[in-house]
PDB file of N, CA and C in Angstrom:
ATOM      1  N   PHE A   1       8.764   3.047   0.226  1.00  0.00           N
ATOM      2  CA  PHE A   1       8.014   3.240  -1.017  1.00  0.00           C
ATOM      3  C   PHE A   1       8.925   3.632  -2.174  1.00  0.00           C
ATOM      4  N   THR A   2      10.186   3.895  -1.864  1.00  0.00           N
ATOM      5  CA  THR A   2      11.125   4.329  -2.888  1.00  0.00           C
ATOM      6  C   THR A   2      11.275   3.287  -3.987  1.00  0.00           C
ATOM      7  N   CYS A   3      11.338   2.008  -3.619  1.00  0.00           N
ATOM      8  CA  CYS A   3      11.502   0.945  -4.621  1.00  0.00           C
ATOM      9  C   CYS A   3      10.376   0.969  -5.635  1.00  0.00           C
ATOM     10  N   LEU A   4       9.178   1.205  -5.165  1.00  0.00           N
ATOM     11  CA  LEU A   4       8.021   1.228  -6.044  1.00  0.00           C
ATOM     12  C   LEU A   4       8.155   2.308  -7.105  1.00  0.00           C
ATOM     13  N   PHE A   5       8.548   3.502  -6.670  1.00  0.00           N
ATOM     14  CA  PHE A   5       8.662   4.600  -7.614  1.00  0.00           C
ATOM     15  C   PHE A   5       9.864   4.430  -8.538  1.00  0.00           C
ATOM     16  N   LEU A   6      10.919   3.800  -8.046  1.00  0.00           N
ATOM     17  CA  LEU A   6      12.047   3.495  -8.909  1.00  0.00           C
ATOM     18  C   LEU A   6      11.658   2.465  -9.955  1.00  0.00           C
ATOM     19  N   ASP A   7      10.797   1.508  -9.574  1.00  0.00           N
ATOM     20  CA  ASP A   7      10.308   0.513 -10.525  1.00  0.00           C
ATOM     21  C   ASP A   7       9.464   1.177 -11.608  1.00  0.00           C
ATOM     22  N   THR A   8       8.683   2.173 -11.218  1.00  0.00           N
ATOM     23  CA  THR A   8       7.896   2.912 -12.200  1.00  0.00           C
ATOM     24  C   THR A   8       8.833   3.625 -13.169  1.00  0.00           C
ATOM     25  N   ASP A   9       9.865   4.238 -12.638  1.00  0.00           N
ATOM     26  CA  ASP A   9      10.850   4.912 -13.490  1.00  0.00           C
ATOM     27  C   ASP A   9      11.531   3.920 -14.421  1.00  0.00           C
ATOM     28  N   ARG A  10      11.871   2.756 -13.909  1.00  0.00           N
ATOM     29  CA  ARG A  10      12.519   1.719 -14.728  1.00  0.00           C
ATOM     30  C   ARG A  10      11.576   1.247 -15.837  1.00  0.00           C
ATOM     31  N   ALA A  11      10.312   1.080 -15.497  1.00  0.00           N
ATOM     32  CA  ALA A  11       9.327   0.678 -16.505  1.00  0.00           C
ATOM     33  C   ALA A  11       9.232   1.730 -17.601  1.00  0.00           C
ATOM     34  N   LEU A  12       9.250   2.991 -17.217  1.00  0.00           N
ATOM     35  CA  LEU A  12       9.190   4.070 -18.211  1.00  0.00           C
ATOM     36  C   LEU A  12      10.406   4.046 -19.126  1.00  0.00           C
ATOM     37  N   VAL A  13      11.563   3.789 -18.556  1.00  0.00           N
ATOM     38  CA  VAL A  13      12.792   3.707 -19.358  1.00  0.00           C
ATOM     39  C   VAL A  13      12.688   2.551 -20.355  1.00  0.00           C
ATOM     40  N   LEU A  14      12.220   1.393 -19.875  1.00  0.00           N
ATOM     41  CA  LEU A  14      12.082   0.228 -20.755  1.00  0.00           C
ATOM     42  C   LEU A  14      11.075   0.483 -21.873  1.00  0.00           C
ATOM     43  N   LEU A  15       9.958   1.101 -21.516  1.00  0.00           N
ATOM     44  CA  LEU A  15       8.947   1.394 -22.526  1.00  0.00           C
ATOM     45  C   LEU A  15       9.468   2.398 -23.552  1.00  0.00           C
ATOM     46  N   GLU A  16      10.211   3.391 -23.107  1.00  0.00           N
ATOM     47  CA  GLU A  16      10.789   4.383 -24.027  1.00  0.00           C
ATOM     48  C   GLU A  16      11.785   3.714 -24.972  1.00  0.00           C
ATOM     49  N   GLU A  17      12.622   2.841 -24.442  1.00  0.00           N
ATOM     50  CA  GLU A  17      13.588   2.115 -25.277  1.00  0.00           C
ATOM     51  C   GLU A  17      12.864   1.271 -26.324  1.00  0.00           C
ATOM     52  N   TYR A  18      11.794   0.613 -25.907  1.00  0.00           N
ATOM     53  CA  TYR A  18      11.031  -0.217 -26.833  1.00  0.00           C
ATOM     54  C   TYR A  18      10.384   0.641 -27.921  1.00  0.00           C
ATOM     55  N   CYS A  19       9.849   1.793 -27.531  1.00  0.00           N
ATOM     56  CA  CYS A  19       9.210   2.693 -28.507  1.00  0.00           C
ATOM     57  C   CYS A  19      10.191   3.137 -29.587  1.00  0.00           C
ATOM     58  N   LYS A  20      11.421   3.342 -29.197  1.00  0.00           N
ATOM     59  CA  LYS A  20      12.441   3.773 -30.161  1.00  0.00           C
ATOM     60  C   LYS A  20      12.687   2.724 -31.249  1.00  0.00           C
ATOM     61  N   LYS A  21      12.401   1.467 -30.915  1.00  0.00           N
ATOM     62  CA  LYS A  21      12.598   0.375 -31.870  1.00  0.00           C
ATOM     63  C   LYS A  21      11.419   0.216 -32.825  1.00  0.00           C
ATOM     64  N   LEU A  22      10.302   0.834 -32.512  1.00  0.00           N
ATOM     65  CA  LEU A  22       9.100   0.695 -33.340  1.00  0.00           C
ATOM     66  C   LEU A  22       9.129   1.737 -34.453  1.00  0.00           C
ATOM     67  N   LYS A  23       9.565   1.311 -35.621  1.00  0.00           N
ATOM     68  CA  LYS A  23       9.730   2.245 -36.743  1.00  0.00           C
ATOM     69  C   LYS A  23       8.855   1.910 -37.949  1.00  0.00           C
ATOM     70  N   LYS A  24       8.408   0.678 -38.020  1.00  0.00           N
ATOM     71  CA  LYS A  24       7.600   0.254 -39.161  1.00  0.00           C
ATOM     72  C   LYS A  24       6.212   0.887 -39.081  1.00  0.00           C
ATOM     73  N   PRO A  25       5.606   1.158 -40.238  1.00  0.00           N
ATOM     74  CA  PRO A  25       4.260   1.759 -40.239  1.00  0.00           C
ATOM     75  C   PRO A  25       3.233   0.943 -39.449  1.00  0.00           C
ATOM     76  N   GLU A  26       3.324  -0.372 -39.544  1.00  0.00           N
ATOM     77  CA  GLU A  26       2.350  -1.212 -38.839  1.00  0.00           C
ATOM     78  C   GLU A  26       2.582  -1.235 -37.323  1.00  0.00           C
ATOM     79  N   GLU A  27       3.692  -0.706 -36.866  1.00  0.00           N
ATOM     80  CA  GLU A  27       3.988  -0.664 -35.433  1.00  0.00           C
ATOM     81  C   GLU A  27       3.585   0.663 -34.779  1.00  0.00           C
ATOM     82  N   GLN A  28       3.133   1.589 -35.563  1.00  0.00           N
ATOM     83  CA  GLN A  28       2.835   2.925 -35.026  1.00  0.00           C
ATOM     84  C   GLN A  28       1.637   2.940 -34.082  1.00  0.00           C
ATOM     85  N   GLN A  29       0.670   2.078 -34.318  1.00  0.00           N
ATOM     86  CA  GLN A  29      -0.476   2.007 -33.417  1.00  0.00           C
ATOM     87  C   GLN A  29      -0.027   1.488 -32.043  1.00  0.00           C
ATOM     88  N   LEU A  30       0.835   0.486 -32.034  1.00  0.00           N
ATOM     89  CA  LEU A  30       1.386  -0.036 -30.784  1.00  0.00           C
ATOM     90  C   LEU A  30       2.196   1.041 -30.071  1.00  0.00           C
ATOM     91  N   LYS A  31       2.995   1.767 -30.839  1.00  0.00           N
ATOM     92  CA  LYS A  31       3.811   2.843 -30.280  1.00  0.00           C
ATOM     93  C   LYS A  31       2.922   3.903 -29.614  1.00  0.00           C
ATOM     94  N   LYS A  32       1.831   4.233 -30.259  1.00  0.00           N
ATOM     95  CA  LYS A  32       0.899   5.213 -29.714  1.00  0.00           C
ATOM     96  C   LYS A  32       0.291   4.700 -28.400  1.00  0.00           C
ATOM     97  N   ALA A  33      -0.078   3.426 -28.367  1.00  0.00           N
ATOM     98  CA  ALA A  33      -0.666   2.833 -27.161  1.00  0.00           C
ATOM     99  C   ALA A  33       0.349   2.812 -26.012  1.00  0.00           C
ATOM    100  N   ILE A  34       1.576   2.481 -26.319  1.00  0.00           N
ATOM    101  CA  ILE A  34       2.627   2.458 -25.291  1.00  0.00           C
ATOM    102  C   ILE A  34       2.854   3.865 -24.747  1.00  0.00           C
ATOM    103  N   ARG A  35       2.832   4.846 -25.613  1.00  0.00           N
ATOM    104  CA  ARG A  35       3.005   6.240 -25.164  1.00  0.00           C
ATOM    105  C   ARG A  35       1.854   6.660 -24.244  1.00  0.00           C
ATOM    106  N   LYS A  36       0.650   6.160 -24.504  1.00  0.00           N
ATOM    107  CA  LYS A  36      -0.481   6.439 -23.610  1.00  0.00           C
ATOM    108  C   LYS A  36      -0.224   5.848 -22.226  1.00  0.00           C
ATOM    109  N   VAL A  37       0.245   4.613 -22.203  1.00  0.00           N
ATOM    110  CA  VAL A  37       0.564   3.957 -20.933  1.00  0.00           C
ATOM    111  C   VAL A  37       1.643   4.743 -20.194  1.00  0.00           C
ATOM    112  N   MET A  38       2.636   5.200 -20.919  1.00  0.00           N
ATOM    113  CA  MET A  38       3.704   5.996 -20.312  1.00  0.00           C
ATOM    114  C   MET A  38       3.136   7.278 -19.704  1.00  0.00           C
ATOM    115  N   GLY A  39       2.214   7.883 -20.402  1.00  0.00           N
ATOM    116  CA  GLY A  39       1.585   9.095 -19.887  1.00  0.00           C
ATOM    117  C   GLY A  39       0.828   8.827 -18.592  1.00  0.00           C
ATOM    118  N   ILE A  40       0.176   7.674 -18.539  1.00  0.00           N
ATOM    119  CA  ILE A  40      -0.543   7.291 -17.326  1.00  0.00           C
ATOM    120  C   ILE A  40       0.439   7.077 -16.179  1.00  0.00           C
ATOM    121  N   PHE A  41       1.526   6.351 -16.431  1.00  0.00           N
ATOM    122  CA  PHE A  41       2.537   6.119 -15.389  1.00  0.00           C
ATOM    123  C   PHE A  41       3.100   7.435 -14.863  1.00  0.00           C
ATOM    124  N   LYS A  42       3.211   8.432 -15.731  1.00  0.00           N
ATOM    125  CA  LYS A  42       3.786   9.726 -15.341  1.00  0.00           C
ATOM    126  C   LYS A  42       2.779  10.642 -14.644  1.00  0.00           C
ATOM    127  N   SER A  43       1.509  10.329 -14.751  1.00  0.00           N
ATOM    128  CA  SER A  43       0.485  11.229 -14.222  1.00  0.00           C
ATOM    129  C   SER A  43       0.516  11.291 -12.697  1.00  0.00           C
ATOM    130  N   SER A  44       0.152  12.443 -12.182  1.00  0.00           N
ATOM    131  CA  SER A  44       0.113  12.618 -10.728  1.00  0.00           C
ATOM    132  C   SER A  44      -0.974  11.743 -10.108  1.00  0.00           C
ATOM    133  N   LEU A  45      -2.064  11.503 -10.818  1.00  0.00           N
ATOM    134  CA  LEU A  45      -3.121  10.639 -10.304  1.00  0.00           C
ATOM    135  C   LEU A  45      -2.598   9.217 -10.119  1.00  0.00           C
ATOM    136  N   PHE A  46      -1.907   8.677 -11.116  1.00  0.00           N
ATOM    137  CA  PHE A  46      -1.355   7.327 -11.023  1.00  0.00           C
ATOM    138  C   PHE A  46      -0.374   7.239  -9.859  1.00  0.00           C
ATOM    139  N   GLN A  47       0.506   8.222  -9.739  1.00  0.00           N
ATOM    140  CA  GLN A  47       1.493   8.228  -8.662  1.00  0.00           C
ATOM    141  C   GLN A  47       0.808   8.265  -7.295  1.00  0.00           C
ATOM    142  N   ALA A  48      -0.252   9.062  -7.172  1.00  0.00           N
ATOM    143  CA  ALA A  48      -0.982   9.146  -5.908  1.00  0.00           C
ATOM    144  C   ALA A  48      -1.675   7.820  -5.585  1.00  0.00           C
ATOM    145  N   LEU A  49      -2.298   7.213  -6.587  1.00  0.00           N
ATOM    146  CA  LEU A  49      -2.965   5.925  -6.374  1.00  0.00           C
ATOM    147  C   LEU A  49      -1.960   4.833  -6.014  1.00  0.00           C
ATOM    148  N   LEU A  50      -0.835   4.857  -6.668  1.00  0.00           N
ATOM    149  CA  LEU A  50       0.219   3.889  -6.400  1.00  0.00           C
ATOM    150  C   LEU A  50       0.723   4.036  -4.975  1.00  0.00           C
ATOM    151  N   GLY A  51       0.936   5.267  -4.554  1.00  0.00           N
ATOM    152  CA  GLY A  51       1.387   5.521  -3.195  1.00  0.00           C
ATOM    153  C   GLY A  51       0.362   5.079  -2.168  1.00  0.00           C
ATOM    154  N   SER A  52      -0.900   5.367  -2.427  1.00  0.00           N
ATOM    155  CA  SER A  52      -1.973   4.983  -1.513  1.00  0.00           C
ATOM    156  C   SER A  52      -2.089   3.467  -1.421  1.00  0.00           C
ATOM    157  N   PHE A  53      -2.058   2.794  -2.558  1.00  0.00           N
ATOM    158  CA  PHE A  53      -2.140   1.336  -2.588  1.00  0.00           C
ATOM    159  C   PHE A  53      -0.971   0.715  -1.833  1.00  0.00           C
ATOM    160  N   THR A  54       0.208   1.241  -2.054  1.00  0.00           N
ATOM    161  CA  THR A  54       1.406   0.698  -1.416  1.00  0.00           C
ATOM    162  C   THR A  54       1.345   0.865   0.093  1.00  0.00           C
ATOM    163  N   LYS A  55       0.916   2.027   0.548  1.00  0.00           N
ATOM    164  CA  LYS A  55       0.808   2.264   1.991  1.00  0.00           C
ATOM    165  C   LYS A  55      -0.167   1.277   2.633  1.00  0.00           C
ATOM    166  N   LYS A  56      -1.333   1.097   2.007  1.00  0.00           N
ATOM    167  CA  LYS A  56      -2.343   0.189   2.551  1.00  0.00           C
ATOM    168  C   LYS A  56      -1.843  -1.256   2.548  1.00  0.00           C
ATOM    169  N   ALA A  57      -1.263  -1.676   1.458  1.00  0.00           N
ATOM    170  CA  ALA A  57      -0.786  -3.053   1.342  1.00  0.00           C
ATOM    171  C   ALA A  57       0.370  -3.320   2.300  1.00  0.00           C
ATOM    172  N   THR A  58       1.233  -2.344   2.481  1.00  0.00           N
ATOM    173  CA  THR A  58       2.358  -2.513   3.393  1.00  0.00           C
ATOM    174  C   THR A  58       1.861  -2.603   4.833  1.00  0.00           C
ATOM    175  N   ARG A  59       0.877  -1.757   5.185  1.00  0.00           N
ATOM    176  CA  ARG A  59       0.303  -1.797   6.537  1.00  0.00           C
ATOM    177  C   ARG A  59      -0.344  -3.148   6.820  1.00  0.00           C
ATOM    178  N   ARG A  60      -0.981  -3.723   5.810  1.00  0.00           N
ATOM    179  CA  ARG A  60      -1.644  -5.026   5.976  1.00  0.00           C
ATOM    180  C   ARG A  60      -0.651  -6.176   5.924  1.00  0.00           C
ATOM    181  N   GLY A  61       0.560  -5.882   5.472  1.00  0.00           N
ATOM    182  CA  GLY A  61       1.564  -6.925   5.359  1.00  0.00           C
ATOM    183  C   GLY A  61       1.383  -7.807   4.143  1.00  0.00           C
ATOM    184  N   THR A  62       0.585  -7.332   3.181  1.00  0.00           N
ATOM    185  CA  THR A  62       0.336  -8.166   2.002  1.00  0.00           C
ATOM    186  C   THR A  62       1.449  -8.054   0.973  1.00  0.00           C
ATOM    187  N   ILE A  63       2.246  -6.999   1.087  1.00  0.00           N
ATOM    188  CA  ILE A  63       3.400  -6.889   0.201  1.00  0.00           C
ATOM    189  C   ILE A  63       4.590  -6.371   0.987  1.00  0.00           C
ATOM    190  N   SER A  64       5.742  -6.758   0.568  1.00  0.00           N
ATOM    191  CA  SER A  64       6.949  -6.177   1.143  1.00  0.00           C
ATOM    192  C   SER A  64       7.665  -5.364   0.073  1.00  0.00           C
ATOM    193  N   HIS A  65       7.399  -5.706  -1.193  1.00  0.00           N
ATOM    194  CA  HIS A  65       8.009  -4.978  -2.315  1.00  0.00           C
ATOM    195  C   HIS A  65       7.085  -5.132  -3.514  1.00  0.00           C
ATOM    196  N   LEU A  66       6.708  -4.023  -4.086  1.00  0.00           N
ATOM    197  CA  LEU A  66       5.803  -4.057  -5.230  1.00  0.00           C
ATOM    198  C   LEU A  66       6.523  -3.497  -6.444  1.00  0.00           C
ATOM    199  N   SER A  67       6.484  -4.220  -7.531  1.00  0.00           N
ATOM    200  CA  SER A  67       7.125  -3.742  -8.753  1.00  0.00           C
ATOM    201  C   SER A  67       6.205  -3.942  -9.939  1.00  0.00           C
ATOM    202  N   LEU A  68       4.944  -3.603  -9.764  1.00  0.00           N
ATOM    203  CA  LEU A  68       3.947  -3.803 -10.804  1.00  0.00           C
ATOM    204  C   LEU A  68       4.312  -3.129 -12.125  1.00  0.00           C
ATOM    205  N   PRO A  69       4.668  -1.834 -12.145  1.00  0.00           N
ATOM    206  CA  PRO A  69       4.987  -1.217 -13.435  1.00  0.00           C
ATOM    207  C   PRO A  69       6.148  -1.910 -14.149  1.00  0.00           C
ATOM    208  N   ALA A  70       7.198  -2.241 -13.416  1.00  0.00           N
ATOM    209  CA  ALA A  70       8.328  -2.925 -14.033  1.00  0.00           C
ATOM    210  C   ALA A  70       7.928  -4.317 -14.498  1.00  0.00           C
ATOM    211  N   ALA A  71       7.105  -5.005 -13.709  1.00  0.00           N
ATOM    212  CA  ALA A  71       6.654  -6.346 -14.099  1.00  0.00           C
ATOM    213  C   ALA A  71       5.869  -6.296 -15.402  1.00  0.00           C
ATOM    214  N   VAL A  72       5.031  -5.283 -15.551  1.00  0.00           N
ATOM    215  CA  VAL A  72       4.263  -5.126 -16.790  1.00  0.00           C
ATOM    216  C   VAL A  72       5.213  -4.888 -17.960  1.00  0.00           C
ATOM    217  N   ALA A  73       6.172  -3.993 -17.764  1.00  0.00           N
ATOM    218  CA  ALA A  73       7.131  -3.697 -18.838  1.00  0.00           C
ATOM    219  C   ALA A  73       7.939  -4.936 -19.191  1.00  0.00           C
ATOM    220  N   TYR A  74       8.416  -5.676 -18.188  1.00  0.00           N
ATOM    221  CA  TYR A  74       9.187  -6.879 -18.438  1.00  0.00           C
ATOM    222  C   TYR A  74       8.340  -7.927 -19.164  1.00  0.00           C
ATOM    223  N   ASP A  75       7.071  -8.018 -18.818  1.00  0.00           N
ATOM    224  CA  ASP A  75       6.179  -8.969 -19.454  1.00  0.00           C
ATOM    225  C   ASP A  75       6.016  -8.666 -20.928  1.00  0.00           C
ATOM    226  N   VAL A  76       5.910  -7.387 -21.255  1.00  0.00           N
ATOM    227  CA  VAL A  76       5.725  -6.971 -22.644  1.00  0.00           C
ATOM    228  C   VAL A  76       7.041  -7.028 -23.412  1.00  0.00           C
ATOM    229  N   LEU A  77       8.108  -6.545 -22.789  1.00  0.00           N
ATOM    230  CA  LEU A  77       9.379  -6.369 -23.495  1.00  0.00           C
ATOM    231  C   LEU A  77      10.392  -7.469 -23.261  1.00  0.00           C
ATOM    232  N   GLY A  78      10.221  -8.236 -22.215  1.00  0.00           N
ATOM    233  CA  GLY A  78      11.226  -9.201 -21.821  1.00  0.00           C
ATOM    234  C   GLY A  78      12.232  -8.546 -20.893  1.00  0.00           C
ATOM    235  N   ARG A  79      12.947  -9.336 -20.160  1.00  0.00           N
ATOM    236  CA  ARG A  79      13.942  -8.804 -19.223  1.00  0.00           C
ATOM    237  C   ARG A  79      15.157  -8.319 -19.993  1.00  0.00           C
ATOM    238  N   PRO A  80      15.728  -7.185 -19.562  1.00  0.00           N
ATOM    239  CA  PRO A  80      16.934  -6.700 -20.234  1.00  0.00           C
ATOM    240  C   PRO A  80      18.107  -7.633 -19.954  1.00  0.00           C
ATOM    241  N   GLU A  81      19.012  -7.730 -20.890  1.00  0.00           N
ATOM    242  CA  GLU A  81      20.206  -8.550 -20.693  1.00  0.00           C
ATOM    243  C   GLU A  81      21.184  -7.765 -19.848  1.00  0.00           C
ATOM    244  N   ASP A  82      21.762  -8.450 -18.851  1.00  0.00           N
ATOM    245  CA  ASP A  82      22.733  -7.788 -17.959  1.00  0.00           C
ATOM    246  C   ASP A  82      24.106  -7.761 -18.577  1.00  0.00           C
TER     247      ASP A  82
END
């Protein structure tokens, strides 16, 4: 389950980096919404649900690696350049 939580951490880093780029007045509403999402990712409830979902899905064999938070961040922000 470590990969899942590392992906959540990576998503938070990407979202924080993106927020730093939002400086225009018209971007502040988006920045506020992203900060809400970040708060949800950091919440103990989200972490518990994520852990529970991962355990169930892994037991069923439906996933071998889940990176939903990072996938969401990459979808919104694009993949970072290596």
